[in-house]
Amino acid sequence: MNADKVFKIALRYLRKNYINFCFFVERDLVWIIQLCLIKIIQKFQFPYKVFYNYSFEKNEFVDLVILNENGFVEVAAEFKYEPSHKRKDIPESRFPVCSWNEICKDVKRAQELINNKKVKIAYAILIDEGGYWYSKKNKKCFSVGEWINWKNDIWVHIVRISLDEEVKIGDKKSSIKEYFL
């Protein structure tokens, strides 16, 4: 099984079990996905390694990567997390948690990783509880990728860019919704 399929299985796991968790920060989400990836890789003895905060260059980090047995990054993923603004366990003064610049930076970073041939597949994923950013979906950074409603007003914006495919998410010819439904 290729690393991208393993990553999609971990995302499906997160989606299916999302309501069983209470996330506070981006790292909480990444941790769950990282644990899931490690378990899958170990169980099936896939030749992959998973790293958090992986560095390609000095002071340049990617949230999560899957490396093949040769040390090449098969999948790189940048994450952003916006908790629901209706939550009572997070002070109102903390919202919005993500900034527009940070979200756009992740999308640009994914594209740069592909352009520089540093990774085979790059993701920029925004998990948006309550739809704060979804309500602003006409913004330029959201012109690529797809919005998927996981359930209970949990919106996820996914940009997937690949070295092997000319068609990118958002094109009418390609859709990744099938992997997350």
N, C-alpha and C. Protein backbone atom coordinates (compact mmCIF):
# COMPACT_ATOMS: atom_id res chain seq x y z
N MET A 1 0.86 -1.18 0.00
CA MET A 1 0.00 0.00 0.00
C MET A 1 0.89 1.23 0.00
N ASN A 2 0.57 2.18 -0.85
CA ASN A 2 1.41 3.38 -0.90
C ASN A 2 1.13 4.32 0.28
N ALA A 3 2.07 5.20 0.54
CA ALA A 3 2.00 6.08 1.70
C ALA A 3 0.79 7.00 1.66
N ASP A 4 0.37 7.43 0.47
CA ASP A 4 -0.79 8.30 0.36
C ASP A 4 -2.06 7.59 0.83
N LYS A 5 -2.19 6.33 0.48
CA LYS A 5 -3.36 5.56 0.94
C LYS A 5 -3.33 5.38 2.45
N VAL A 6 -2.17 5.15 3.00
CA VAL A 6 -2.04 5.02 4.45
C VAL A 6 -2.45 6.34 5.12
N PHE A 7 -2.02 7.46 4.55
CA PHE A 7 -2.38 8.77 5.09
C PHE A 7 -3.90 8.99 5.02
N LYS A 8 -4.50 8.62 3.91
CA LYS A 8 -5.96 8.78 3.76
C LYS A 8 -6.73 7.93 4.75
N ILE A 9 -6.20 6.74 5.06
CA ILE A 9 -6.84 5.89 6.07
C ILE A 9 -6.79 6.58 7.43
N ALA A 10 -5.67 7.20 7.75
CA ALA A 10 -5.55 7.93 9.03
C ALA A 10 -6.53 9.10 9.08
N LEU A 11 -6.69 9.81 7.97
CA LEU A 11 -7.66 10.92 7.93
C LEU A 11 -9.08 10.39 8.09
N ARG A 12 -9.38 9.26 7.46
CA ARG A 12 -10.71 8.65 7.61
C ARG A 12 -10.95 8.27 9.07
N TYR A 13 -9.92 7.74 9.70
CA TYR A 13 -10.05 7.39 11.12
C TYR A 13 -10.38 8.64 11.94
N LEU A 14 -9.67 9.73 11.68
CA LEU A 14 -9.94 10.97 12.41
C LEU A 14 -11.37 11.43 12.18
N ARG A 15 -11.80 11.37 10.93
CA ARG A 15 -13.17 11.80 10.64
C ARG A 15 -14.19 10.94 11.37
N LYS A 16 -14.02 9.65 11.30
CA LYS A 16 -14.98 8.73 11.91
C LYS A 16 -15.03 8.90 13.43
N ASN A 17 -13.91 9.19 14.04
CA ASN A 17 -13.82 9.25 15.50
C ASN A 17 -13.73 10.66 16.06
N TYR A 18 -13.91 11.65 15.22
CA TYR A 18 -13.69 13.05 15.60
C TYR A 18 -14.46 13.44 16.86
N ILE A 19 -15.72 13.06 16.94
CA ILE A 19 -16.54 13.49 18.08
C ILE A 19 -16.13 12.83 19.39
N ASN A 20 -15.27 11.82 19.33
CA ASN A 20 -14.78 11.16 20.54
C ASN A 20 -13.61 11.91 21.18
N PHE A 21 -13.11 12.93 20.50
CA PHE A 21 -11.96 13.68 20.98
C PHE A 21 -12.37 15.11 21.30
N CYS A 22 -11.59 15.73 22.16
CA CYS A 22 -11.74 17.16 22.43
C CYS A 22 -10.39 17.79 22.14
N PHE A 23 -10.29 18.48 21.03
CA PHE A 23 -9.04 19.09 20.61
C PHE A 23 -8.97 20.54 21.11
N PHE A 24 -7.76 20.95 21.45
CA PHE A 24 -7.55 22.32 21.88
C PHE A 24 -6.61 23.08 20.95
N VAL A 25 -5.63 22.37 20.43
CA VAL A 25 -4.64 22.99 19.55
C VAL A 25 -4.37 22.07 18.36
N GLU A 26 -3.78 22.62 17.34
CA GLU A 26 -3.43 21.89 16.12
C GLU A 26 -2.66 20.61 16.42
N ARG A 27 -1.71 20.68 17.34
CA ARG A 27 -0.89 19.51 17.64
C ARG A 27 -1.73 18.33 18.13
N ASP A 28 -2.84 18.59 18.81
CA ASP A 28 -3.72 17.50 19.26
C ASP A 28 -4.20 16.67 18.07
N LEU A 29 -4.62 17.35 17.01
CA LEU A 29 -5.08 16.66 15.79
C LEU A 29 -3.95 15.89 15.12
N VAL A 30 -2.82 16.55 14.99
CA VAL A 30 -1.68 15.93 14.32
C VAL A 30 -1.22 14.70 15.11
N TRP A 31 -1.28 14.78 16.42
CA TRP A 31 -0.89 13.67 17.28
C TRP A 31 -1.76 12.44 17.01
N ILE A 32 -3.06 12.64 16.92
CA ILE A 32 -3.97 11.53 16.64
C ILE A 32 -3.65 10.90 15.28
N ILE A 33 -3.45 11.72 14.29
CA ILE A 33 -3.12 11.20 12.95
C ILE A 33 -1.77 10.49 12.98
N GLN A 34 -0.80 11.07 13.66
CA GLN A 34 0.52 10.46 13.75
C GLN A 34 0.43 9.09 14.43
N LEU A 35 -0.29 8.99 15.53
CA LEU A 35 -0.45 7.70 16.21
C LEU A 35 -1.12 6.67 15.31
N CYS A 36 -2.14 7.09 14.61
CA CYS A 36 -2.85 6.18 13.69
C CYS A 36 -1.90 5.68 12.60
N LEU A 37 -1.13 6.59 12.03
CA LEU A 37 -0.17 6.21 10.99
C LEU A 37 0.85 5.20 11.52
N ILE A 38 1.37 5.47 12.70
CA ILE A 38 2.36 4.56 13.30
C ILE A 38 1.77 3.17 13.51
N LYS A 39 0.54 3.12 14.02
CA LYS A 39 -0.11 1.82 14.24
C LYS A 39 -0.31 1.05 12.94
N ILE A 40 -0.76 1.73 11.91
CA ILE A 40 -0.98 1.08 10.61
C ILE A 40 0.35 0.56 10.05
N ILE A 41 1.36 1.41 10.10
CA ILE A 41 2.68 1.05 9.56
C ILE A 41 3.25 -0.16 10.31
N GLN A 42 3.12 -0.15 11.63
CA GLN A 42 3.64 -1.27 12.42
C GLN A 42 2.84 -2.55 12.18
N LYS A 43 1.52 -2.42 12.18
CA LYS A 43 0.66 -3.60 12.03
C LYS A 43 0.93 -4.32 10.71
N PHE A 44 1.07 -3.56 9.63
CA PHE A 44 1.24 -4.16 8.31
C PHE A 44 2.69 -4.18 7.85
N GLN A 45 3.58 -3.74 8.73
CA GLN A 45 5.02 -3.74 8.46
C GLN A 45 5.37 -3.03 7.14
N PHE A 46 4.74 -1.88 6.95
CA PHE A 46 5.05 -1.07 5.78
C PHE A 46 6.42 -0.42 5.96
N PRO A 47 7.13 -0.18 4.87
CA PRO A 47 8.50 0.37 4.97
C PRO A 47 8.52 1.90 5.10
N TYR A 48 7.71 2.43 6.01
CA TYR A 48 7.61 3.88 6.17
C TYR A 48 7.97 4.30 7.58
N LYS A 49 8.35 5.56 7.70
CA LYS A 49 8.56 6.21 8.99
C LYS A 49 7.74 7.48 9.00
N VAL A 50 7.24 7.85 10.18
CA VAL A 50 6.43 9.05 10.34
C VAL A 50 7.15 10.00 11.28
N PHE A 51 7.21 11.27 10.88
CA PHE A 51 7.86 12.27 11.72
C PHE A 51 6.99 13.52 11.83
N TYR A 52 7.00 14.08 13.03
CA TYR A 52 6.33 15.35 13.31
C TYR A 52 7.37 16.46 13.24
N ASN A 53 6.97 17.60 12.72
CA ASN A 53 7.84 18.78 12.68
C ASN A 53 9.15 18.47 11.95
N TYR A 54 9.01 17.88 10.80
CA TYR A 54 10.14 17.43 10.00
C TYR A 54 10.82 18.61 9.32
N SER A 55 12.13 18.63 9.35
CA SER A 55 12.89 19.74 8.78
C SER A 55 13.54 19.35 7.45
N PHE A 56 13.20 20.09 6.42
CA PHE A 56 13.87 19.95 5.12
C PHE A 56 15.12 20.82 5.09
N GLU A 57 14.98 21.99 5.65
CA GLU A 57 16.08 22.96 5.71
C GLU A 57 16.05 23.62 7.08
N LYS A 58 17.13 24.27 7.43
CA LYS A 58 17.19 24.94 8.71
C LYS A 58 16.01 25.91 8.87
N ASN A 59 15.33 25.80 9.99
CA ASN A 59 14.18 26.65 10.33
C ASN A 59 12.99 26.50 9.38
N GLU A 60 12.92 25.42 8.64
CA GLU A 60 11.76 25.13 7.78
C GLU A 60 11.22 23.77 8.16
N PHE A 61 10.04 23.75 8.72
CA PHE A 61 9.47 22.51 9.23
C PHE A 61 8.12 22.23 8.57
N VAL A 62 7.81 20.94 8.47
CA VAL A 62 6.51 20.49 7.98
C VAL A 62 5.86 19.72 9.12
N ASP A 63 4.56 19.92 9.32
CA ASP A 63 3.87 19.33 10.47
C ASP A 63 4.04 17.82 10.55
N LEU A 64 3.81 17.12 9.45
CA LEU A 64 3.83 15.66 9.48
C LEU A 64 4.31 15.13 8.14
N VAL A 65 5.21 14.14 8.17
CA VAL A 65 5.70 13.52 6.94
C VAL A 65 5.72 12.01 7.08
N ILE A 66 5.62 11.35 5.93
CA ILE A 66 5.82 9.91 5.84
C ILE A 66 6.99 9.71 4.88
N LEU A 67 8.05 9.07 5.38
CA LEU A 67 9.24 8.80 4.58
C LEU A 67 9.24 7.34 4.13
N ASN A 68 9.75 7.10 2.93
CA ASN A 68 9.90 5.72 2.47
C ASN A 68 11.22 5.15 3.00
N GLU A 69 11.50 3.91 2.64
CA GLU A 69 12.70 3.24 3.16
C GLU A 69 14.01 3.89 2.67
N ASN A 70 13.94 4.69 1.60
CA ASN A 70 15.11 5.40 1.10
C ASN A 70 15.26 6.80 1.69
N GLY A 71 14.35 7.17 2.57
CA GLY A 71 14.42 8.48 3.21
C GLY A 71 13.75 9.60 2.41
N PHE A 72 13.07 9.26 1.30
CA PHE A 72 12.37 10.27 0.51
C PHE A 72 10.99 10.51 1.11
N VAL A 73 10.56 11.74 1.14
CA VAL A 73 9.26 12.07 1.71
C VAL A 73 8.16 11.75 0.69
N GLU A 74 7.39 10.74 1.01
CA GLU A 74 6.26 10.34 0.16
C GLU A 74 5.08 11.27 0.35
N VAL A 75 4.80 11.62 1.60
CA VAL A 75 3.66 12.48 1.93
C VAL A 75 4.12 13.52 2.95
N ALA A 76 3.77 14.78 2.69
CA ALA A 76 3.99 15.86 3.65
C ALA A 76 2.64 16.53 3.88
N ALA A 77 2.35 16.86 5.13
CA ALA A 77 1.06 17.48 5.43
C ALA A 77 1.23 18.64 6.40
N GLU A 78 0.64 19.75 6.01
CA GLU A 78 0.55 20.93 6.88
C GLU A 78 -0.89 20.99 7.39
N PHE A 79 -1.05 21.31 8.66
CA PHE A 79 -2.38 21.36 9.27
C PHE A 79 -2.63 22.71 9.91
N LYS A 80 -3.88 23.09 9.88
CA LYS A 80 -4.38 24.21 10.65
C LYS A 80 -5.67 23.75 11.32
N TYR A 81 -5.92 24.28 12.52
CA TYR A 81 -7.10 23.89 13.29
C TYR A 81 -7.77 25.13 13.86
N GLU A 82 -9.04 25.25 13.56
CA GLU A 82 -9.85 26.35 14.09
C GLU A 82 -10.96 25.73 14.93
N PRO A 83 -10.88 25.84 16.27
CA PRO A 83 -11.95 25.30 17.11
C PRO A 83 -13.24 26.10 16.93
N SER A 84 -14.33 25.47 17.26
CA SER A 84 -15.62 26.16 17.18
C SER A 84 -15.61 27.39 18.09
N HIS A 85 -16.11 28.47 17.57
CA HIS A 85 -16.17 29.71 18.34
C HIS A 85 -17.28 29.66 19.38
N LYS A 86 -18.07 28.60 19.37
CA LYS A 86 -19.15 28.43 20.35
C LYS A 86 -18.68 27.70 21.60
N ARG A 87 -17.46 27.19 21.56
CA ARG A 87 -16.95 26.43 22.71
C ARG A 87 -16.79 27.34 23.92
N LYS A 88 -17.19 26.80 25.07
CA LYS A 88 -17.10 27.57 26.33
C LYS A 88 -15.79 27.30 27.06
N ASP A 89 -15.03 26.30 26.60
CA ASP A 89 -13.77 25.96 27.27
C ASP A 89 -12.56 26.66 26.64
N ILE A 90 -12.83 27.57 25.70
CA ILE A 90 -11.78 28.38 25.10
C ILE A 90 -12.25 29.83 25.18
N PRO A 91 -11.43 30.72 25.74
CA PRO A 91 -11.85 32.12 25.87
C PRO A 91 -12.14 32.75 24.50
N GLU A 92 -13.18 33.55 24.43
CA GLU A 92 -13.56 34.23 23.18
C GLU A 92 -12.42 35.06 22.61
N SER A 93 -11.59 35.58 23.49
CA SER A 93 -10.48 36.43 23.03
C SER A 93 -9.45 35.66 22.19
N ARG A 94 -9.49 34.33 22.21
CA ARG A 94 -8.55 33.51 21.45
C ARG A 94 -8.95 33.34 19.99
N PHE A 95 -10.18 33.71 19.65
CA PHE A 95 -10.68 33.48 18.29
C PHE A 95 -10.46 34.68 17.40
N PRO A 96 -10.23 34.47 16.11
CA PRO A 96 -9.92 33.18 15.50
C PRO A 96 -8.52 32.71 15.90
N VAL A 97 -8.36 31.39 15.97
CA VAL A 97 -7.07 30.80 16.34
C VAL A 97 -6.10 30.89 15.17
N CYS A 98 -6.58 30.55 13.99
CA CYS A 98 -5.75 30.62 12.78
C CYS A 98 -5.82 32.02 12.18
N SER A 99 -4.76 32.39 11.53
CA SER A 99 -4.81 33.64 10.78
C SER A 99 -4.91 33.32 9.30
N TRP A 100 -5.43 34.28 8.55
CA TRP A 100 -5.55 34.10 7.11
C TRP A 100 -4.18 33.85 6.49
N ASN A 101 -3.17 34.58 6.94
CA ASN A 101 -1.81 34.41 6.41
C ASN A 101 -1.27 33.01 6.65
N GLU A 102 -1.54 32.45 7.84
CA GLU A 102 -1.06 31.10 8.15
C GLU A 102 -1.70 30.05 7.24
N ILE A 103 -2.99 30.19 6.99
CA ILE A 103 -3.70 29.24 6.14
C ILE A 103 -3.13 29.30 4.72
N CYS A 104 -2.97 30.50 4.20
CA CYS A 104 -2.42 30.65 2.85
C CYS A 104 -0.98 30.17 2.77
N LYS A 105 -0.22 30.39 3.84
CA LYS A 105 1.17 29.96 3.87
C LYS A 105 1.27 28.43 3.74
N ASP A 106 0.35 27.70 4.39
CA ASP A 106 0.35 26.24 4.29
C ASP A 106 0.08 25.77 2.87
N VAL A 107 -0.86 26.42 2.20
CA VAL A 107 -1.18 26.06 0.81
C VAL A 107 0.03 26.34 -0.08
N LYS A 108 0.63 27.50 0.10
CA LYS A 108 1.83 27.85 -0.69
C LYS A 108 2.98 26.89 -0.39
N ARG A 109 3.13 26.53 0.86
CA ARG A 109 4.20 25.62 1.26
C ARG A 109 4.02 24.26 0.59
N ALA A 110 2.80 23.76 0.55
CA ALA A 110 2.53 22.48 -0.12
C ALA A 110 2.94 22.55 -1.59
N GLN A 111 2.59 23.65 -2.24
CA GLN A 111 2.94 23.82 -3.65
C GLN A 111 4.46 23.92 -3.83
N GLU A 112 5.13 24.63 -2.95
CA GLU A 112 6.59 24.74 -3.04
C GLU A 112 7.28 23.39 -2.88
N LEU A 113 6.79 22.58 -1.96
CA LEU A 113 7.39 21.26 -1.75
C LEU A 113 7.31 20.41 -3.02
N ILE A 114 6.20 20.53 -3.72
CA ILE A 114 6.04 19.81 -4.99
C ILE A 114 6.92 20.44 -6.07
N ASN A 115 6.86 21.75 -6.19
CA ASN A 115 7.66 22.44 -7.22
C ASN A 115 9.15 22.15 -7.08
N ASN A 116 9.62 22.04 -5.83
CA ASN A 116 11.03 21.77 -5.57
C ASN A 116 11.35 20.28 -5.52
N LYS A 117 10.34 19.47 -5.84
CA LYS A 117 10.48 18.00 -5.87
C LYS A 117 11.04 17.43 -4.57
N LYS A 118 10.61 18.01 -3.46
CA LYS A 118 11.04 17.52 -2.14
C LYS A 118 10.13 16.42 -1.63
N VAL A 119 8.91 16.36 -2.17
CA VAL A 119 7.94 15.36 -1.73
C VAL A 119 7.16 14.84 -2.94
N LYS A 120 6.58 13.67 -2.76
CA LYS A 120 5.75 13.11 -3.83
C LYS A 120 4.33 13.69 -3.78
N ILE A 121 3.79 13.82 -2.57
CA ILE A 121 2.44 14.35 -2.38
C ILE A 121 2.45 15.30 -1.20
N ALA A 122 1.83 16.45 -1.36
CA ALA A 122 1.75 17.44 -0.28
C ALA A 122 0.30 17.82 -0.02
N TYR A 123 -0.02 17.94 1.25
CA TYR A 123 -1.36 18.34 1.68
C TYR A 123 -1.28 19.63 2.49
N ALA A 124 -2.33 20.42 2.38
CA ALA A 124 -2.59 21.53 3.29
C ALA A 124 -4.02 21.32 3.78
N ILE A 125 -4.17 21.09 5.06
CA ILE A 125 -5.47 20.70 5.61
C ILE A 125 -5.87 21.68 6.71
N LEU A 126 -7.08 22.19 6.59
CA LEU A 126 -7.66 23.07 7.61
C LEU A 126 -8.88 22.37 8.18
N ILE A 127 -8.86 22.12 9.48
CA ILE A 127 -10.02 21.54 10.15
C ILE A 127 -10.69 22.69 10.89
N ASP A 128 -11.93 22.93 10.51
CA ASP A 128 -12.66 24.14 10.89
C ASP A 128 -13.96 23.77 11.62
N GLU A 129 -13.87 23.62 12.93
CA GLU A 129 -15.06 23.33 13.73
C GLU A 129 -15.96 24.56 13.71
N GLY A 130 -17.19 24.37 13.40
CA GLY A 130 -18.12 25.49 13.43
C GLY A 130 -18.19 26.30 12.16
N GLY A 131 -17.26 26.08 11.24
CA GLY A 131 -17.34 26.72 9.93
C GLY A 131 -16.94 28.18 9.85
N TYR A 132 -16.14 28.67 10.78
CA TYR A 132 -15.72 30.07 10.72
C TYR A 132 -15.04 30.38 9.39
N TRP A 133 -14.05 29.58 9.01
CA TRP A 133 -13.34 29.82 7.75
C TRP A 133 -14.16 29.37 6.55
N TYR A 134 -14.98 28.35 6.73
CA TYR A 134 -15.85 27.91 5.64
C TYR A 134 -16.76 29.04 5.20
N SER A 135 -17.22 29.85 6.14
CA SER A 135 -18.10 30.98 5.79
C SER A 135 -17.36 32.04 4.96
N LYS A 136 -16.05 31.96 4.92
CA LYS A 136 -15.24 32.90 4.14
C LYS A 136 -14.62 32.19 2.92
N LYS A 137 -15.28 31.15 2.45
CA LYS A 137 -14.69 30.27 1.43
C LYS A 137 -14.45 30.93 0.08
N ASN A 138 -14.91 32.13 -0.12
CA ASN A 138 -14.64 32.82 -1.38
C ASN A 138 -13.24 33.43 -1.41
N LYS A 139 -12.50 33.30 -0.34
CA LYS A 139 -11.13 33.84 -0.28
C LYS A 139 -10.22 33.12 -1.27
N LYS A 140 -9.18 33.81 -1.70
CA LYS A 140 -8.28 33.31 -2.74
C LYS A 140 -7.65 31.96 -2.41
N CYS A 141 -7.19 31.76 -1.18
CA CYS A 141 -6.54 30.49 -0.82
C CYS A 141 -7.49 29.31 -0.94
N PHE A 142 -8.78 29.56 -0.85
CA PHE A 142 -9.74 28.48 -0.95
C PHE A 142 -10.18 28.22 -2.38
N SER A 143 -9.54 28.90 -3.35
CA SER A 143 -9.88 28.66 -4.76
C SER A 143 -9.31 27.33 -5.24
N VAL A 144 -8.34 26.78 -4.51
CA VAL A 144 -7.85 25.43 -4.76
C VAL A 144 -8.32 24.56 -3.60
N GLY A 145 -8.39 23.29 -3.84
CA GLY A 145 -8.81 22.37 -2.79
C GLY A 145 -10.31 22.20 -2.74
N GLU A 146 -10.74 21.44 -1.76
CA GLU A 146 -12.16 21.15 -1.60
C GLU A 146 -12.57 21.27 -0.15
N TRP A 147 -13.80 21.72 0.04
CA TRP A 147 -14.41 21.73 1.36
C TRP A 147 -15.22 20.45 1.51
N ILE A 148 -15.07 19.80 2.65
CA ILE A 148 -15.83 18.59 2.94
C ILE A 148 -16.46 18.78 4.32
N ASN A 149 -17.76 18.53 4.41
CA ASN A 149 -18.45 18.61 5.69
C ASN A 149 -18.39 17.23 6.33
N TRP A 150 -17.55 17.09 7.36
CA TRP A 150 -17.40 15.79 8.00
C TRP A 150 -18.67 15.41 8.74
N LYS A 151 -19.24 16.29 9.48
CA LYS A 151 -20.51 16.16 10.19
C LYS A 151 -20.52 17.17 11.32
N ASN A 152 -21.70 17.42 11.84
CA ASN A 152 -21.85 18.32 12.99
C ASN A 152 -21.14 19.66 12.81
N ASP A 153 -21.23 20.20 11.60
CA ASP A 153 -20.64 21.51 11.29
C ASP A 153 -19.11 21.53 11.44
N ILE A 154 -18.50 20.38 11.18
CA ILE A 154 -17.04 20.30 11.14
C ILE A 154 -16.65 20.30 9.67
N TRP A 155 -16.09 21.40 9.23
CA TRP A 155 -15.70 21.57 7.84
C TRP A 155 -14.19 21.36 7.70
N VAL A 156 -13.82 20.67 6.64
CA VAL A 156 -12.40 20.41 6.39
C VAL A 156 -12.06 20.86 4.98
N HIS A 157 -11.05 21.70 4.89
CA HIS A 157 -10.57 22.14 3.57
C HIS A 157 -9.28 21.37 3.29
N ILE A 158 -9.27 20.65 2.17
CA ILE A 158 -8.12 19.81 1.83
C ILE A 158 -7.57 20.21 0.46
N VAL A 159 -6.29 20.52 0.46
CA VAL A 159 -5.56 20.74 -0.78
C VAL A 159 -4.58 19.58 -0.88
N ARG A 160 -4.62 18.87 -1.99
CA ARG A 160 -3.70 17.75 -2.24
C ARG A 160 -3.00 18.03 -3.56
N ILE A 161 -1.68 18.06 -3.53
CA ILE A 161 -0.89 18.33 -4.72
C ILE A 161 0.10 17.19 -4.89
N SER A 162 0.22 16.69 -6.11
CA SER A 162 1.05 15.52 -6.36
C SER A 162 2.03 15.75 -7.50
N LEU A 163 3.21 15.17 -7.39
CA LEU A 163 4.19 15.20 -8.47
C LEU A 163 3.70 14.42 -9.69
N ASP A 164 2.94 13.35 -9.43
CA ASP A 164 2.55 12.42 -10.48
C ASP A 164 1.28 12.81 -11.24
N GLU A 165 0.56 13.79 -10.75
CA GLU A 165 -0.72 14.13 -11.37
C GLU A 165 -0.73 15.57 -11.82
N GLU A 166 -1.19 15.79 -13.01
CA GLU A 166 -1.34 17.17 -13.49
C GLU A 166 -2.62 17.78 -12.95
N VAL A 167 -3.62 16.95 -12.71
CA VAL A 167 -4.90 17.44 -12.20
C VAL A 167 -4.78 17.63 -10.70
N LYS A 168 -5.16 18.80 -10.25
CA LYS A 168 -5.09 19.11 -8.83
C LYS A 168 -6.49 19.17 -8.24
N ILE A 169 -6.55 19.03 -6.94
CA ILE A 169 -7.83 19.14 -6.26
C ILE A 169 -8.47 20.49 -6.60
N GLY A 170 -9.76 20.44 -6.79
CA GLY A 170 -10.47 21.66 -7.17
C GLY A 170 -10.83 21.65 -8.65
N ASP A 171 -10.02 20.93 -9.45
CA ASP A 171 -10.35 20.78 -10.86
C ASP A 171 -11.59 19.91 -10.96
N LYS A 172 -12.40 20.16 -11.96
CA LYS A 172 -13.61 19.37 -12.13
C LYS A 172 -13.31 17.91 -12.47
N LYS A 173 -12.10 17.64 -12.95
CA LYS A 173 -11.72 16.29 -13.33
C LYS A 173 -11.29 15.43 -12.15
N SER A 174 -11.06 16.04 -11.00
CA SER A 174 -10.50 15.29 -9.87
C SER A 174 -11.23 15.65 -8.59
N SER A 175 -11.44 14.64 -7.76
CA SER A 175 -12.06 14.89 -6.47
C SER A 175 -11.51 13.89 -5.46
N ILE A 176 -11.26 14.36 -4.25
CA ILE A 176 -10.83 13.44 -3.22
C ILE A 176 -11.95 13.16 -2.22
N LYS A 177 -13.13 13.69 -2.47
CA LYS A 177 -14.23 13.45 -1.54
C LYS A 177 -14.46 11.95 -1.34
N GLU A 178 -14.24 11.17 -2.42
CA GLU A 178 -14.45 9.73 -2.33
C GLU A 178 -13.62 9.10 -1.21
N TYR A 179 -12.48 9.70 -0.86
CA TYR A 179 -11.63 9.12 0.17
C TYR A 179 -12.11 9.46 1.58
N PHE A 180 -12.99 10.41 1.70
CA PHE A 180 -13.36 10.88 3.03
C PHE A 180 -14.84 10.75 3.32
N LEU A 181 -15.58 10.06 2.49
CA LEU A 181 -17.02 9.89 2.72
C LEU A 181 -17.32 8.56 3.36
